[in-house]
Amino acid sequence: MKRHWVGKFFKVAVIGMGAIAMVGLIVMLLWNALLPALFGSPALSYFQAVGLLILSRILVGGFRGWPGGGPGWHWKRRMLERWDQMTPEERERFRQGMRVRP
């Protein structure tokens, strides 16, 4: 059982590193194809492109994990709990109210 978990971990790790490598390469190629010609900015190396990805992730999205369900999950979970507690009449009234909203 433990062996199966370790194998799965390594598969996920290899796929994750491959995805980071591919996205870093795509960012580098796009940056070097567009920005130097448009704005006269310097070309990026591969590691600078990966660093730019990490920096943008920190500044824009942070490093929240998936266990909570992603961004906005707290609102969705609270709404689902409220929906489960509604009677069928309340649900229909809610649907009607959502239809008339602009």
PDB file of N, CA and C in Angstrom:
ATOM      1  N   MET A   1       0.818  -1.190   0.000  1.00  0.00           N
ATOM      2  CA  MET A   1       0.000   0.000   0.000  1.00  0.00           C
ATOM      3  C   MET A   1       0.862   1.255   0.000  1.00  0.00           C
ATOM      4  N   LYS A   2       1.867   1.285   0.848  1.00  0.00           N
ATOM      5  CA  LYS A   2       2.749   2.449   0.938  1.00  0.00           C
ATOM      6  C   LYS A   2       3.517   2.641  -0.364  1.00  0.00           C
ATOM      7  N   ARG A   3       3.886   1.563  -0.981  1.00  0.00           N
ATOM      8  CA  ARG A   3       4.639   1.634  -2.229  1.00  0.00           C
ATOM      9  C   ARG A   3       3.812   2.293  -3.328  1.00  0.00           C
ATOM     10  N   HIS A   4       2.544   1.986  -3.369  1.00  0.00           N
ATOM     11  CA  HIS A   4       1.655   2.582  -4.366  1.00  0.00           C
ATOM     12  C   HIS A   4       1.568   4.096  -4.177  1.00  0.00           C
ATOM     13  N   TRP A   5       1.503   4.567  -2.932  1.00  0.00           N
ATOM     14  CA  TRP A   5       1.427   5.989  -2.631  1.00  0.00           C
ATOM     15  C   TRP A   5       2.698   6.703  -3.073  1.00  0.00           C
ATOM     16  N   VAL A   6       3.856   6.073  -2.848  1.00  0.00           N
ATOM     17  CA  VAL A   6       5.132   6.674  -3.237  1.00  0.00           C
ATOM     18  C   VAL A   6       5.218   6.791  -4.752  1.00  0.00           C
ATOM     19  N   GLY A   7       4.785   5.771  -5.459  1.00  0.00           N
ATOM     20  CA  GLY A   7       4.788   5.825  -6.918  1.00  0.00           C
ATOM     21  C   GLY A   7       3.891   6.918  -7.449  1.00  0.00           C
ATOM     22  N   LYS A   8       2.729   7.071  -6.842  1.00  0.00           N
ATOM     23  CA  LYS A   8       1.809   8.131  -7.254  1.00  0.00           C
ATOM     24  C   LYS A   8       2.417   9.505  -7.008  1.00  0.00           C
ATOM     25  N   PHE A   9       3.079   9.667  -5.869  1.00  0.00           N
ATOM     26  CA  PHE A   9       3.718  10.937  -5.535  1.00  0.00           C
ATOM     27  C   PHE A   9       4.761  11.303  -6.586  1.00  0.00           C
ATOM     28  N   PHE A  10       5.583  10.342  -6.980  1.00  0.00           N
ATOM     29  CA  PHE A  10       6.619  10.628  -7.969  1.00  0.00           C
ATOM     30  C   PHE A  10       6.025  10.940  -9.335  1.00  0.00           C
ATOM     31  N   LYS A  11       4.936  10.275  -9.698  1.00  0.00           N
ATOM     32  CA  LYS A  11       4.270  10.593 -10.965  1.00  0.00           C
ATOM     33  C   LYS A  11       3.759  12.023 -10.971  1.00  0.00           C
ATOM     34  N   VAL A  12       3.113  12.417  -9.870  1.00  0.00           N
ATOM     35  CA  VAL A  12       2.585  13.780  -9.777  1.00  0.00           C
ATOM     36  C   VAL A  12       3.730  14.793  -9.791  1.00  0.00           C
ATOM     37  N   ALA A  13       4.825  14.476  -9.090  1.00  0.00           N
ATOM     38  CA  ALA A  13       5.969  15.384  -9.048  1.00  0.00           C
ATOM     39  C   ALA A  13       6.587  15.553 -10.433  1.00  0.00           C
ATOM     40  N   VAL A  14       6.736  14.466 -11.169  1.00  0.00           N
ATOM     41  CA  VAL A  14       7.330  14.533 -12.510  1.00  0.00           C
ATOM     42  C   VAL A  14       6.417  15.302 -13.458  1.00  0.00           C
ATOM     43  N   ILE A  15       5.118  15.047 -13.374  1.00  0.00           N
ATOM     44  CA  ILE A  15       4.173  15.767 -14.236  1.00  0.00           C
ATOM     45  C   ILE A  15       4.171  17.249 -13.886  1.00  0.00           C
ATOM     46  N   GLY A  16       4.215  17.582 -12.588  1.00  0.00           N
ATOM     47  CA  GLY A  16       4.245  18.983 -12.167  1.00  0.00           C
ATOM     48  C   GLY A  16       5.493  19.697 -12.651  1.00  0.00           C
ATOM     49  N   MET A  17       6.651  19.046 -12.522  1.00  0.00           N
ATOM     50  CA  MET A  17       7.890  19.675 -12.992  1.00  0.00           C
ATOM     51  C   MET A  17       7.888  19.826 -14.503  1.00  0.00           C
ATOM     52  N   GLY A  18       7.323  18.851 -15.199  1.00  0.00           N
ATOM     53  CA  GLY A  18       7.218  18.962 -16.651  1.00  0.00           C
ATOM     54  C   GLY A  18       6.308  20.104 -17.071  1.00  0.00           C
ATOM     55  N   ALA A  19       5.203  20.285 -16.334  1.00  0.00           N
ATOM     56  CA  ALA A  19       4.278  21.378 -16.644  1.00  0.00           C
ATOM     57  C   ALA A  19       4.948  22.728 -16.407  1.00  0.00           C
ATOM     58  N   ILE A  20       5.682  22.859 -15.299  1.00  0.00           N
ATOM     59  CA  ILE A  20       6.391  24.108 -15.024  1.00  0.00           C
ATOM     60  C   ILE A  20       7.429  24.377 -16.101  1.00  0.00           C
ATOM     61  N   ALA A  21       8.122  23.325 -16.524  1.00  0.00           N
ATOM     62  CA  ALA A  21       9.135  23.488 -17.569  1.00  0.00           C
ATOM     63  C   ALA A  21       8.504  23.944 -18.879  1.00  0.00           C
ATOM     64  N   MET A  22       7.374  23.350 -19.243  1.00  0.00           N
ATOM     65  CA  MET A  22       6.717  23.722 -20.500  1.00  0.00           C
ATOM     66  C   MET A  22       6.162  25.151 -20.443  1.00  0.00           C
ATOM     67  N   VAL A  23       5.534  25.514 -19.333  1.00  0.00           N
ATOM     68  CA  VAL A  23       4.978  26.858 -19.215  1.00  0.00           C
ATOM     69  C   VAL A  23       6.097  27.889 -19.191  1.00  0.00           C
ATOM     70  N   GLY A  24       7.202  27.577 -18.514  1.00  0.00           N
ATOM     71  CA  GLY A  24       8.352  28.479 -18.515  1.00  0.00           C
ATOM     72  C   GLY A  24       8.903  28.689 -19.916  1.00  0.00           C
ATOM     73  N   LEU A  25       8.972  27.621 -20.688  1.00  0.00           N
ATOM     74  CA  LEU A  25       9.450  27.720 -22.065  1.00  0.00           C
ATOM     75  C   LEU A  25       8.499  28.567 -22.914  1.00  0.00           C
ATOM     76  N   ILE A  26       7.205  28.363 -22.738  1.00  0.00           N
ATOM     77  CA  ILE A  26       6.219  29.134 -23.501  1.00  0.00           C
ATOM     78  C   ILE A  26       6.307  30.616 -23.144  1.00  0.00           C
ATOM     79  N   VAL A  27       6.442  30.928 -21.843  1.00  0.00           N
ATOM     80  CA  VAL A  27       6.569  32.329 -21.431  1.00  0.00           C
ATOM     81  C   VAL A  27       7.822  32.947 -22.034  1.00  0.00           C
ATOM     82  N   MET A  28       8.933  32.220 -21.992  1.00  0.00           N
ATOM     83  CA  MET A  28      10.183  32.741 -22.549  1.00  0.00           C
ATOM     84  C   MET A  28      10.044  33.019 -24.051  1.00  0.00           C
ATOM     85  N   LEU A  29       9.465  32.062 -24.769  1.00  0.00           N
ATOM     86  CA  LEU A  29       9.326  32.239 -26.219  1.00  0.00           C
ATOM     87  C   LEU A  29       8.390  33.402 -26.562  1.00  0.00           C
ATOM     88  N   LEU A  30       7.280  33.499 -25.862  1.00  0.00           N
ATOM     89  CA  LEU A  30       6.356  34.602 -26.122  1.00  0.00           C
ATOM     90  C   LEU A  30       6.968  35.948 -25.771  1.00  0.00           C
ATOM     91  N   TRP A  31       7.617  36.018 -24.612  1.00  0.00           N
ATOM     92  CA  TRP A  31       8.267  37.269 -24.202  1.00  0.00           C
ATOM     93  C   TRP A  31       9.288  37.691 -25.242  1.00  0.00           C
ATOM     94  N   ASN A  32      10.166  36.761 -25.627  1.00  0.00           N
ATOM     95  CA  ASN A  32      11.245  37.091 -26.557  1.00  0.00           C
ATOM     96  C   ASN A  32      10.734  37.384 -27.963  1.00  0.00           C
ATOM     97  N   ALA A  33       9.563  36.857 -28.317  1.00  0.00           N
ATOM     98  CA  ALA A  33       9.006  37.132 -29.636  1.00  0.00           C
ATOM     99  C   ALA A  33       8.294  38.486 -29.680  1.00  0.00           C
ATOM    100  N   LEU A  34       7.710  38.910 -28.570  1.00  0.00           N
ATOM    101  CA  LEU A  34       6.875  40.101 -28.598  1.00  0.00           C
ATOM    102  C   LEU A  34       7.499  41.339 -27.962  1.00  0.00           C
ATOM    103  N   LEU A  35       7.919  41.229 -26.727  1.00  0.00           N
ATOM    104  CA  LEU A  35       8.282  42.426 -25.981  1.00  0.00           C
ATOM    105  C   LEU A  35       9.534  43.142 -26.473  1.00  0.00           C
ATOM    106  N   PRO A  36      10.591  42.461 -26.870  1.00  0.00           N
ATOM    107  CA  PRO A  36      11.732  43.228 -27.388  1.00  0.00           C
ATOM    108  C   PRO A  36      11.377  44.041 -28.637  1.00  0.00           C
ATOM    109  N   ALA A  37      10.550  43.476 -29.504  1.00  0.00           N
ATOM    110  CA  ALA A  37      10.172  44.192 -30.721  1.00  0.00           C
ATOM    111  C   ALA A  37       9.204  45.339 -30.425  1.00  0.00           C
ATOM    112  N   LEU A  38       8.289  45.129 -29.470  1.00  0.00           N
ATOM    113  CA  LEU A  38       7.285  46.150 -29.180  1.00  0.00           C
ATOM    114  C   LEU A  38       7.796  47.260 -28.279  1.00  0.00           C
ATOM    115  N   PHE A  39       8.516  46.899 -27.235  1.00  0.00           N
ATOM    116  CA  PHE A  39       8.897  47.885 -26.231  1.00  0.00           C
ATOM    117  C   PHE A  39      10.400  48.036 -26.041  1.00  0.00           C
ATOM    118  N   GLY A  40      11.179  47.276 -26.753  1.00  0.00           N
ATOM    119  CA  GLY A  40      12.629  47.345 -26.623  1.00  0.00           C
ATOM    120  C   GLY A  40      13.151  46.764 -25.314  1.00  0.00           C
ATOM    121  N   SER A  41      12.385  45.893 -24.695  1.00  0.00           N
ATOM    122  CA  SER A  41      12.824  45.272 -23.438  1.00  0.00           C
ATOM    123  C   SER A  41      13.845  44.177 -23.738  1.00  0.00           C
ATOM    124  N   PRO A  42      14.669  43.835 -22.765  1.00  0.00           N
ATOM    125  CA  PRO A  42      15.667  42.794 -23.005  1.00  0.00           C
ATOM    126  C   PRO A  42      15.014  41.414 -23.104  1.00  0.00           C
ATOM    127  N   ALA A  43      15.689  40.505 -23.766  1.00  0.00           N
ATOM    128  CA  ALA A  43      15.202  39.131 -23.888  1.00  0.00           C
ATOM    129  C   ALA A  43      15.381  38.413 -22.555  1.00  0.00           C
ATOM    130  N   LEU A  44      14.539  37.436 -22.314  1.00  0.00           N
ATOM    131  CA  LEU A  44      14.597  36.658 -21.082  1.00  0.00           C
ATOM    132  C   LEU A  44      15.290  35.323 -21.319  1.00  0.00           C
ATOM    133  N   SER A  45      16.019  34.876 -20.312  1.00  0.00           N
ATOM    134  CA  SER A  45      16.528  33.507 -20.343  1.00  0.00           C
ATOM    135  C   SER A  45      15.421  32.599 -19.800  1.00  0.00           C
ATOM    136  N   TYR A  46      15.632  31.302 -19.903  1.00  0.00           N
ATOM    137  CA  TYR A  46      14.626  30.347 -19.427  1.00  0.00           C
ATOM    138  C   TYR A  46      14.371  30.523 -17.934  1.00  0.00           C
ATOM    139  N   PHE A  47      15.427  30.631 -17.144  1.00  0.00           N
ATOM    140  CA  PHE A  47      15.265  30.729 -15.698  1.00  0.00           C
ATOM    141  C   PHE A  47      14.642  32.063 -15.285  1.00  0.00           C
ATOM    142  N   GLN A  48      14.892  33.117 -16.048  1.00  0.00           N
ATOM    143  CA  GLN A  48      14.217  34.382 -15.776  1.00  0.00           C
ATOM    144  C   GLN A  48      12.717  34.256 -16.050  1.00  0.00           C
ATOM    145  N   ALA A  49      12.352  33.515 -17.080  1.00  0.00           N
ATOM    146  CA  ALA A  49      10.937  33.314 -17.395  1.00  0.00           C
ATOM    147  C   ALA A  49      10.244  32.523 -16.288  1.00  0.00           C
ATOM    148  N   VAL A  50      10.900  31.478 -15.770  1.00  0.00           N
ATOM    149  CA  VAL A  50      10.315  30.708 -14.672  1.00  0.00           C
ATOM    150  C   VAL A  50      10.211  31.589 -13.426  1.00  0.00           C
ATOM    151  N   GLY A  51      11.228  32.406 -13.170  1.00  0.00           N
ATOM    152  CA  GLY A  51      11.171  33.333 -12.046  1.00  0.00           C
ATOM    153  C   GLY A  51      10.052  34.339 -12.192  1.00  0.00           C
ATOM    154  N   LEU A  52       9.822  34.802 -13.410  1.00  0.00           N
ATOM    155  CA  LEU A  52       8.715  35.725 -13.673  1.00  0.00           C
ATOM    156  C   LEU A  52       7.375  35.054 -13.398  1.00  0.00           C
ATOM    157  N   LEU A  53       7.252  33.787 -13.765  1.00  0.00           N
ATOM    158  CA  LEU A  53       6.032  33.039 -13.467  1.00  0.00           C
ATOM    159  C   LEU A  53       5.803  32.938 -11.967  1.00  0.00           C
ATOM    160  N   ILE A  54       6.839  32.604 -11.225  1.00  0.00           N
ATOM    161  CA  ILE A  54       6.713  32.470  -9.775  1.00  0.00           C
ATOM    162  C   ILE A  54       6.357  33.818  -9.150  1.00  0.00           C
ATOM    163  N   LEU A  55       7.026  34.880  -9.603  1.00  0.00           N
ATOM    164  CA  LEU A  55       6.742  36.214  -9.073  1.00  0.00           C
ATOM    165  C   LEU A  55       5.305  36.635  -9.360  1.00  0.00           C
ATOM    166  N   SER A  56       4.836  36.380 -10.567  1.00  0.00           N
ATOM    167  CA  SER A  56       3.462  36.760 -10.899  1.00  0.00           C
ATOM    168  C   SER A  56       2.466  35.941 -10.094  1.00  0.00           C
ATOM    169  N   ARG A  57       2.787  34.690  -9.838  1.00  0.00           N
ATOM    170  CA  ARG A  57       1.903  33.854  -9.014  1.00  0.00           C
ATOM    171  C   ARG A  57       1.839  34.386  -7.577  1.00  0.00           C
ATOM    172  N   ILE A  58       2.960  34.807  -7.041  1.00  0.00           N
ATOM    173  CA  ILE A  58       2.982  35.352  -5.688  1.00  0.00           C
ATOM    174  C   ILE A  58       2.194  36.653  -5.626  1.00  0.00           C
ATOM    175  N   LEU A  59       2.415  37.545  -6.592  1.00  0.00           N
ATOM    176  CA  LEU A  59       1.781  38.859  -6.554  1.00  0.00           C
ATOM    177  C   LEU A  59       0.291  38.807  -6.860  1.00  0.00           C
ATOM    178  N   VAL A  60      -0.106  37.950  -7.763  1.00  0.00           N
ATOM    179  CA  VAL A  60      -1.499  37.930  -8.207  1.00  0.00           C
ATOM    180  C   VAL A  60      -2.330  36.899  -7.461  1.00  0.00           C
ATOM    181  N   GLY A  61      -1.831  35.674  -7.377  1.00  0.00           N
ATOM    182  CA  GLY A  61      -2.678  34.627  -6.828  1.00  0.00           C
ATOM    183  C   GLY A  61      -2.275  34.088  -5.488  1.00  0.00           C
ATOM    184  N   GLY A  62      -1.057  34.303  -5.080  1.00  0.00           N
ATOM    185  CA  GLY A  62      -0.604  33.688  -3.846  1.00  0.00           C
ATOM    186  C   GLY A  62      -0.361  32.206  -4.059  1.00  0.00           C
ATOM    187  N   PHE A  63      -0.129  31.492  -2.985  1.00  0.00           N
ATOM    188  CA  PHE A  63       0.120  30.056  -3.084  1.00  0.00           C
ATOM    189  C   PHE A  63      -0.900  29.275  -2.293  1.00  0.00           C
ATOM    190  N   ARG A  64      -2.156  29.641  -2.444  1.00  0.00           N
ATOM    191  CA  ARG A  64      -3.199  28.874  -1.790  1.00  0.00           C
ATOM    192  C   ARG A  64      -3.301  27.525  -2.470  1.00  0.00           C
ATOM    193  N   GLY A  65      -3.497  26.507  -1.674  1.00  0.00           N
ATOM    194  CA  GLY A  65      -3.582  25.161  -2.214  1.00  0.00           C
ATOM    195  C   GLY A  65      -4.984  24.809  -2.661  1.00  0.00           C
ATOM    196  N   TRP A  66      -5.156  23.595  -3.117  1.00  0.00           N
ATOM    197  CA  TRP A  66      -6.437  23.123  -3.600  1.00  0.00           C
ATOM    198  C   TRP A  66      -7.356  22.555  -2.535  1.00  0.00           C
ATOM    199  N   PRO A  67      -6.874  22.242  -1.336  1.00  0.00           N
ATOM    200  CA  PRO A  67      -7.772  21.570  -0.403  1.00  0.00           C
ATOM    201  C   PRO A  67      -9.069  22.305  -0.149  1.00  0.00           C
ATOM    202  N   GLY A  68      -9.071  23.618  -0.164  1.00  0.00           N
ATOM    203  CA  GLY A  68     -10.301  24.363   0.078  1.00  0.00           C
ATOM    204  C   GLY A  68     -11.218  24.398  -1.119  1.00  0.00           C
ATOM    205  N   GLY A  69     -10.743  24.043  -2.282  1.00  0.00           N
ATOM    206  CA  GLY A  69     -11.582  24.047  -3.456  1.00  0.00           C
ATOM    207  C   GLY A  69     -11.300  25.198  -4.398  1.00  0.00           C
ATOM    208  N   GLY A  70     -10.313  26.006  -4.125  1.00  0.00           N
ATOM    209  CA  GLY A  70      -9.960  27.084  -5.029  1.00  0.00           C
ATOM    210  C   GLY A  70     -10.560  28.409  -4.624  1.00  0.00           C
ATOM    211  N   PRO A  71     -10.311  29.429  -5.439  1.00  0.00           N
ATOM    212  CA  PRO A  71     -10.811  30.757  -5.096  1.00  0.00           C
ATOM    213  C   PRO A  71     -12.334  30.801  -5.088  1.00  0.00           C
ATOM    214  N   GLY A  72     -12.885  31.497  -4.124  1.00  0.00           N
ATOM    215  CA  GLY A  72     -14.327  31.632  -4.051  1.00  0.00           C
ATOM    216  C   GLY A  72     -15.044  30.441  -3.445  1.00  0.00           C
ATOM    217  N   TRP A  73     -14.306  29.428  -2.994  1.00  0.00           N
ATOM    218  CA  TRP A  73     -14.944  28.227  -2.496  1.00  0.00           C
ATOM    219  C   TRP A  73     -15.739  28.510  -1.225  1.00  0.00           C
ATOM    220  N   HIS A  74     -15.264  29.420  -0.373  1.00  0.00           N
ATOM    221  CA  HIS A  74     -15.982  29.705   0.861  1.00  0.00           C
ATOM    222  C   HIS A  74     -17.382  30.228   0.560  1.00  0.00           C
ATOM    223  N   TRP A  75     -17.493  31.111  -0.406  1.00  0.00           N
ATOM    224  CA  TRP A  75     -18.791  31.635  -0.795  1.00  0.00           C
ATOM    225  C   TRP A  75     -19.665  30.516  -1.359  1.00  0.00           C
ATOM    226  N   LYS A  76     -19.090  29.686  -2.209  1.00  0.00           N
ATOM    227  CA  LYS A  76     -19.864  28.599  -2.817  1.00  0.00           C
ATOM    228  C   LYS A  76     -20.354  27.613  -1.767  1.00  0.00           C
ATOM    229  N   ARG A  77     -19.473  27.271  -0.823  1.00  0.00           N
ATOM    230  CA  ARG A  77     -19.853  26.324   0.219  1.00  0.00           C
ATOM    231  C   ARG A  77     -20.981  26.898   1.089  1.00  0.00           C
ATOM    232  N   ARG A  78     -20.866  28.171   1.446  1.00  0.00           N
ATOM    233  CA  ARG A  78     -21.898  28.798   2.258  1.00  0.00           C
ATOM    234  C   ARG A  78     -23.231  28.833   1.499  1.00  0.00           C
ATOM    235  N   MET A  79     -23.173  29.129   0.201  1.00  0.00           N
ATOM    236  CA  MET A  79     -24.403  29.166  -0.594  1.00  0.00           C
ATOM    237  C   MET A  79     -25.022  27.779  -0.715  1.00  0.00           C
ATOM    238  N   LEU A  80     -24.195  26.746  -0.886  1.00  0.00           N
ATOM    239  CA  LEU A  80     -24.723  25.387  -0.964  1.00  0.00           C
ATOM    240  C   LEU A  80     -25.379  24.969   0.350  1.00  0.00           C
ATOM    241  N   GLU A  81     -24.780  25.372   1.470  1.00  0.00           N
ATOM    242  CA  GLU A  81     -25.385  25.056   2.761  1.00  0.00           C
ATOM    243  C   GLU A  81     -26.742  25.746   2.899  1.00  0.00           C
ATOM    244  N   ARG A  82     -26.813  26.998   2.493  1.00  0.00           N
ATOM    245  CA  ARG A  82     -28.088  27.722   2.557  1.00  0.00           C
ATOM    246  C   ARG A  82     -29.113  27.081   1.620  1.00  0.00           C
ATOM    247  N   TRP A  83     -28.675  26.666   0.437  1.00  0.00           N
ATOM    248  CA  TRP A  83     -29.567  26.054  -0.545  1.00  0.00           C
ATOM    249  C   TRP A  83     -30.152  24.756   0.010  1.00  0.00           C
ATOM    250  N   ASP A  84     -29.321  23.968   0.687  1.00  0.00           N
ATOM    251  CA  ASP A  84     -29.799  22.710   1.263  1.00  0.00           C
ATOM    252  C   ASP A  84     -30.843  22.936   2.355  1.00  0.00           C
ATOM    253  N   GLN A  85     -30.772  24.066   3.031  1.00  0.00           N
ATOM    254  CA  GLN A  85     -31.707  24.353   4.115  1.00  0.00           C
ATOM    255  C   GLN A  85     -32.994  25.013   3.625  1.00  0.00           C
ATOM    256  N   MET A  86     -33.046  25.390   2.361  1.00  0.00           N
ATOM    257  CA  MET A  86     -34.240  26.053   1.825  1.00  0.00           C
ATOM    258  C   MET A  86     -35.331  25.035   1.528  1.00  0.00           C
ATOM    259  N   THR A  87     -36.565  25.489   1.666  1.00  0.00           N
ATOM    260  CA  THR A  87     -37.702  24.676   1.249  1.00  0.00           C
ATOM    261  C   THR A  87     -37.845  24.825  -0.264  1.00  0.00           C
ATOM    262  N   PRO A  88     -38.593  23.938  -0.913  1.00  0.00           N
ATOM    263  CA  PRO A  88     -38.793  24.080  -2.367  1.00  0.00           C
ATOM    264  C   PRO A  88     -39.403  25.420  -2.759  1.00  0.00           C
ATOM    265  N   GLU A  89     -40.283  25.963  -1.917  1.00  0.00           N
ATOM    266  CA  GLU A  89     -40.891  27.262  -2.223  1.00  0.00           C
ATOM    267  C   GLU A  89     -39.842  28.374  -2.163  1.00  0.00           C
ATOM    268  N   GLU A  90     -38.968  28.307  -1.164  1.00  0.00           N
ATOM    269  CA  GLU A  90     -37.911  29.315  -1.050  1.00  0.00           C
ATOM    270  C   GLU A  90     -36.939  29.222  -2.225  1.00  0.00           C
ATOM    271  N   ARG A  91     -36.655  28.006  -2.666  1.00  0.00           N
ATOM    272  CA  ARG A  91     -35.760  27.837  -3.819  1.00  0.00           C
ATOM    273  C   ARG A  91     -36.370  28.452  -5.072  1.00  0.00           C
ATOM    274  N   GLU A  92     -37.652  28.227  -5.278  1.00  0.00           N
ATOM    275  CA  GLU A  92     -38.314  28.780  -6.453  1.00  0.00           C
ATOM    276  C   GLU A  92     -38.356  30.300  -6.381  1.00  0.00           C
ATOM    277  N   ARG A  93     -38.608  30.844  -5.190  1.00  0.00           N
ATOM    278  CA  ARG A  93     -38.609  32.295  -5.021  1.00  0.00           C
ATOM    279  C   ARG A  93     -37.214  32.863  -5.310  1.00  0.00           C
ATOM    280  N   PHE A  94     -36.181  32.165  -4.890  1.00  0.00           N
ATOM    281  CA  PHE A  94     -34.813  32.597  -5.152  1.00  0.00           C
ATOM    282  C   PHE A  94     -34.521  32.577  -6.660  1.00  0.00           C
ATOM    283  N   ARG A  95     -34.942  31.505  -7.326  1.00  0.00           N
ATOM    284  CA  ARG A  95     -34.735  31.418  -8.780  1.00  0.00           C
ATOM    285  C   ARG A  95     -35.433  32.559  -9.501  1.00  0.00           C
ATOM    286  N   GLN A  96     -36.683  32.860  -9.090  1.00  0.00           N
ATOM    287  CA  GLN A  96     -37.414  33.962  -9.716  1.00  0.00           C
ATOM    288  C   GLN A  96     -36.694  35.285  -9.489  1.00  0.00           C
ATOM    289  N   GLY A  97     -36.186  35.479  -8.290  1.00  0.00           N
ATOM    290  CA  GLY A  97     -35.459  36.707  -7.998  1.00  0.00           C
ATOM    291  C   GLY A  97     -34.189  36.837  -8.834  1.00  0.00           C
ATOM    292  N   MET A  98     -33.517  35.727  -9.106  1.00  0.00           N
ATOM    293  CA  MET A  98     -32.309  35.757  -9.930  1.00  0.00           C
ATOM    294  C   MET A  98     -32.639  36.036 -11.393  1.00  0.00           C
ATOM    295  N   ARG A  99     -33.820  35.612 -11.846  1.00  0.00           N
ATOM    296  CA  ARG A  99     -34.205  35.839 -13.246  1.00  0.00           C
ATOM    297  C   ARG A  99     -34.484  37.300 -13.533  1.00  0.00           C
ATOM    298  N   VAL A 100     -35.054  38.016 -12.574  1.00  0.00           N
ATOM    299  CA  VAL A 100     -35.416  39.412 -12.822  1.00  0.00           C
ATOM    300  C   VAL A 100     -34.257  40.361 -12.597  1.00  0.00           C
ATOM    301  N   ARG A 101     -33.146  39.887 -12.069  1.00  0.00           N
ATOM    302  CA  ARG A 101     -31.986  40.756 -11.844  1.00  0.00           C
ATOM    303  C   ARG A 101     -31.386  41.144 -13.205  1.00  0.00           C
ATOM    304  N   PRO A 102     -30.902  42.393 -13.311  1.00  0.00           N
ATOM    305  CA  PRO A 102     -30.313  42.827 -14.592  1.00  0.00           C
ATOM    306  C   PRO A 102     -28.979  42.179 -14.860  1.00  0.00           C
TER     307      PRO A 102
END
